[in-house]
């Protein structure tokens, strides 16, 4: 089995740029917003990149989270990204995870302008894409590929390889507006005090 190159934060950033440009999205004004090592048992890191993603007549200020960790992505990681969107003044988020994704994480992302993507090795992506015969890999196959995370018609989690011209997969997620909570109940207007009734003097007969 061919040994994969280590997915370092620098390699992860290059991969994200390549995959977004491959599907027709331009990324600009990119800068590091956060870079931290994840504690045990994750044994990985979190790299957050702030920038602008553009398509045809469309753009968003985004925060791109690159997570490498041992356990699957759960709803808590999506909630963390949602909090960081406010901190970074971003309109939407992209969470690239070099691990599997828990169904609850996708449910949480559905309530916000967050796109979930899984990063997997190129051979696994090839074998599950239907491009060719499993086990026979072309020379151009990259070490890692990205897959969008979505649900099939039965509501089950599935991964779809990002291919050329599929920018709409990301655009539609970033156009999602967070679900608003119940409208606050307006405070009732204060009731004016009734005017005092003047005392009537009793007249004795």
Protein backbone atom coordinates (compact mmCIF):
# COMPACT_ATOMS: atom_id res chain seq x y z
CA UNK A 1 0.00 0.00 0.00
CA UNK A 2 1.31 3.43 -0.96
CA UNK A 3 1.99 5.62 2.07
CA UNK A 4 0.12 8.93 1.96
CA UNK A 5 1.97 12.20 2.57
CA UNK A 6 1.23 13.81 5.92
CA UNK A 7 -1.72 16.20 5.79
CA UNK A 8 -0.04 19.19 7.41
CA UNK A 9 -1.88 22.51 7.93
CA UNK A 10 0.03 23.94 4.95
CA UNK A 11 -0.94 20.99 2.76
CA UNK A 12 -4.55 21.25 3.98
CA UNK A 13 -4.73 24.93 2.96
CA UNK A 14 -3.40 24.15 -0.52
CA UNK A 15 -5.90 21.29 -0.88
CA UNK A 16 -8.84 23.54 0.07
CA UNK A 17 -7.81 26.20 -2.46
CA UNK A 18 -7.41 23.56 -5.18
CA UNK A 19 -10.75 21.90 -4.51
CA UNK A 20 -12.72 25.17 -4.44
CA UNK A 21 -11.12 26.43 -7.64
CA UNK A 22 -11.76 23.05 -9.28
CA UNK A 23 -15.52 23.51 -8.84
CA UNK A 24 -15.45 27.07 -10.20
CA UNK A 25 -15.16 29.18 -7.05
CA UNK A 26 -12.52 31.85 -6.58
CA UNK A 27 -10.95 32.41 -3.17
CA UNK A 28 -9.30 35.73 -2.32
CA UNK A 29 -8.18 37.86 0.65
CA UNK A 30 -7.26 34.64 2.47
CA UNK A 31 -5.53 34.92 5.82
CA UNK A 32 -5.14 32.77 8.90
CA UNK A 33 -7.75 33.45 11.57
CA UNK A 34 -6.88 30.66 14.01
CA UNK A 35 -4.40 27.81 14.23
CA UNK A 36 -4.40 25.49 17.21
CA UNK A 37 -3.44 21.95 18.18
CA UNK A 38 -6.31 19.78 19.36
CA UNK A 39 -5.83 17.97 22.69
CA UNK A 40 -6.13 14.22 23.23
CA UNK A 41 -7.88 12.10 22.13
CA UNK A 42 -8.26 14.07 18.87
CA UNK A 43 -4.53 14.22 18.12
CA UNK A 44 -4.94 16.76 15.35
CA UNK A 45 -5.32 20.45 14.65
CA UNK A 46 -7.76 23.19 13.68
CA UNK A 47 -6.81 25.72 11.02
CA UNK A 48 -9.26 28.54 10.28
CA UNK A 49 -8.87 30.72 7.19
CA UNK A 50 -10.81 33.93 6.66
CA UNK A 51 -11.46 35.13 3.11
CA UNK A 52 -13.93 35.82 0.31
CA UNK A 53 -15.42 33.14 -1.94
CA UNK A 54 -16.75 34.29 -5.33
CA UNK A 55 -18.81 32.69 -8.05
CA UNK A 56 -20.69 34.07 -11.06
CA UNK A 57 -22.34 37.25 -9.76
CA UNK A 58 -22.10 36.05 -6.16
CA UNK A 59 -19.72 36.32 -3.22
CA UNK A 60 -19.59 35.68 0.52
CA UNK A 61 -17.24 36.52 3.37
CA UNK A 62 -16.42 33.10 4.74
CA UNK A 63 -14.53 31.32 7.47
CA UNK A 64 -12.98 28.04 6.30
CA UNK A 65 -12.28 25.52 9.06
CA UNK A 66 -9.80 22.72 8.33
CA UNK A 67 -10.07 20.01 10.99
CA UNK A 68 -7.84 17.00 11.27
CA UNK A 69 -8.81 14.71 14.13
CA UNK A 70 -9.26 11.03 14.98
CA UNK A 71 -12.93 10.91 15.93
CA UNK A 72 -15.85 11.83 13.65
CA UNK A 73 -17.12 15.40 13.41
CA UNK A 74 -20.12 15.88 15.69
CA UNK A 75 -22.62 18.70 16.21
CA UNK A 76 -20.38 20.38 18.78
CA UNK A 77 -17.71 21.14 16.15
CA UNK A 78 -20.33 22.76 13.91
CA UNK A 79 -21.55 24.86 16.85
CA UNK A 80 -17.96 26.00 17.46
CA UNK A 81 -17.68 27.11 13.84
CA UNK A 82 -20.99 28.97 14.07
CA UNK A 83 -19.66 30.90 17.08
CA UNK A 84 -16.42 31.66 15.23
CA UNK A 85 -18.38 33.05 12.26
CA UNK A 86 -19.64 35.86 14.47
CA UNK A 87 -16.17 36.44 15.84
CA UNK A 88 -14.72 36.70 12.30
CA UNK A 89 -17.64 38.75 10.93
CA UNK A 90 -18.18 36.05 8.28
CA UNK A 91 -21.43 35.40 6.40
CA UNK A 92 -20.93 31.66 6.01
CA UNK A 93 -18.63 28.79 6.87
CA UNK A 94 -17.00 25.80 5.22
CA UNK A 95 -15.92 22.92 7.42
CA UNK A 96 -13.39 20.60 5.75
CA UNK A 97 -12.88 17.53 7.96
CA UNK A 98 -10.20 14.89 7.48
CA UNK A 99 -12.48 12.34 9.18
CA UNK A 100 -16.02 11.01 8.96
CA UNK A 101 -19.07 13.13 9.81
CA UNK A 102 -21.78 12.25 12.31
CA UNK A 103 -25.38 12.69 11.04
CA UNK A 104 -26.10 15.11 13.91
CA UNK A 105 -23.37 17.42 12.60
CA UNK A 106 -25.15 17.70 9.25
CA UNK A 107 -28.44 18.39 11.01
CA UNK A 108 -26.81 21.25 12.92
CA UNK A 109 -25.23 22.62 9.72
CA UNK A 110 -28.66 22.60 8.06
CA UNK A 111 -29.71 25.33 10.50
CA UNK A 112 -26.92 27.66 9.41
CA UNK A 113 -24.95 28.83 6.37
CA UNK A 114 -22.36 26.08 6.84
CA UNK A 115 -21.16 23.59 4.21
CA UNK A 116 -19.67 20.30 5.41
CA UNK A 117 -16.97 18.54 3.39
CA UNK A 118 -14.96 15.41 4.10
CA UNK A 119 -11.33 15.09 3.03
CA UNK A 120 -10.33 11.53 2.22
CA UNK A 121 -7.49 9.81 0.41
CA UNK A 122 -7.65 9.81 -3.38
CA UNK A 123 -7.90 6.03 -3.73
CA UNK A 124 -10.94 5.81 -1.46
CA UNK A 125 -12.52 8.68 -3.39
CA UNK A 126 -11.79 6.93 -6.70
CA UNK A 127 -13.20 3.59 -5.54
CA UNK A 128 -16.47 5.19 -4.42
CA UNK A 129 -16.91 7.59 -7.35
CA UNK A 130 -17.57 5.18 -10.20
CA UNK A 131 -14.77 6.71 -12.29
CA UNK A 132 -13.24 3.34 -13.17
CA UNK A 133 -12.29 -0.13 -12.02
CA UNK A 134 -11.61 -0.31 -8.30
CA UNK A 135 -7.99 -1.00 -7.50
CA UNK A 136 -6.70 0.45 -10.79
CA UNK A 137 -5.67 4.04 -10.12
CA UNK A 138 -4.61 6.65 -12.72
CA UNK A 139 -1.30 8.46 -12.33
CA UNK A 140 -3.03 11.85 -12.00
CA UNK A 141 -5.00 10.82 -8.90
CA UNK A 142 -4.17 13.24 -6.04
CA UNK A 143 -3.24 11.99 -2.59
CA UNK A 144 -6.34 13.61 -1.05
CA UNK A 145 -9.74 14.70 -2.39
CA UNK A 146 -12.74 16.52 -0.93
CA UNK A 147 -16.33 15.28 -0.83
CA UNK A 148 -19.45 17.26 0.02
CA UNK A 149 -21.56 15.82 2.84
CA UNK A 150 -25.30 15.58 2.15
CA UNK A 151 -28.32 13.32 2.50
CA UNK A 152 -29.72 10.91 -0.06
CA UNK A 153 -33.48 10.78 -0.88
CA UNK A 154 -33.98 8.43 2.09
CA UNK A 155 -32.33 10.87 4.47
CA UNK A 156 -29.14 8.83 4.90
CA UNK A 157 -25.73 10.47 4.99
CA UNK A 158 -23.72 10.29 1.76
CA UNK A 159 -20.52 11.75 0.38
CA UNK A 160 -20.28 13.25 -3.12
CA UNK A 161 -16.93 13.91 -4.72
CA UNK A 162 -16.32 17.53 -5.72
CA UNK A 163 -15.95 17.68 -9.50
CA UNK A 164 -15.41 20.44 -12.04
CA UNK A 165 -18.33 22.85 -12.36
CA UNK A 166 -20.08 21.76 -9.17
CA UNK A 167 -19.74 25.06 -7.34
CA UNK A 168 -23.49 25.09 -6.80
CA UNK A 169 -23.07 22.42 -4.12
CA UNK A 170 -21.24 24.98 -1.97
CA UNK A 171 -23.13 28.06 -3.12
CA UNK A 172 -26.52 26.68 -2.09
CA UNK A 173 -25.26 25.89 1.40
CA UNK A 174 -23.71 29.32 1.84
CA UNK A 175 -26.95 30.96 0.72
CA UNK A 176 -28.85 29.24 3.53
CA UNK A 177 -29.96 31.72 6.14
CA UNK A 178 -29.82 30.62 9.77
CA UNK A 179 -33.22 29.64 11.06
CA UNK A 180 -34.60 32.45 13.11
CA UNK A 181 -35.86 31.75 16.59
CA UNK A 182 -39.32 32.78 17.74
CA UNK A 183 -39.96 36.48 17.47
CA UNK A 184 -39.68 38.21 20.82
CA UNK A 185 -42.97 39.14 22.39
CA UNK A 186 -43.33 42.92 22.40
CA UNK A 187 -43.69 44.51 25.76
CA UNK A 188 -47.26 45.66 26.31
CA UNK A 189 -47.78 49.39 26.30
CA UNK A 190 -48.20 50.77 29.79
CA UNK A 191 -51.82 51.35 30.74
CA UNK A 192 -52.42 55.00 31.54
CA UNK A 193 -53.69 55.68 35.02
CA UNK A 194 -57.32 56.84 35.03
CA UNK A 195 -57.83 60.50 35.67
CA UNK A 196 -58.81 61.18 39.27
CA UNK A 197 -62.50 61.77 39.79
CA UNK A 198 -63.12 65.11 41.48
CA UNK A 199 -64.71 64.80 44.89
CA UNK A 200 -68.26 65.96 45.01
CA UNK A 201 -69.14 67.99 48.02
CA UNK A 202 -72.17 66.83 49.88
CA UNK A 203 -74.61 69.57 50.52
CA UNK A 204 -76.72 69.34 53.54
CA UNK A 205 -80.37 70.20 53.15
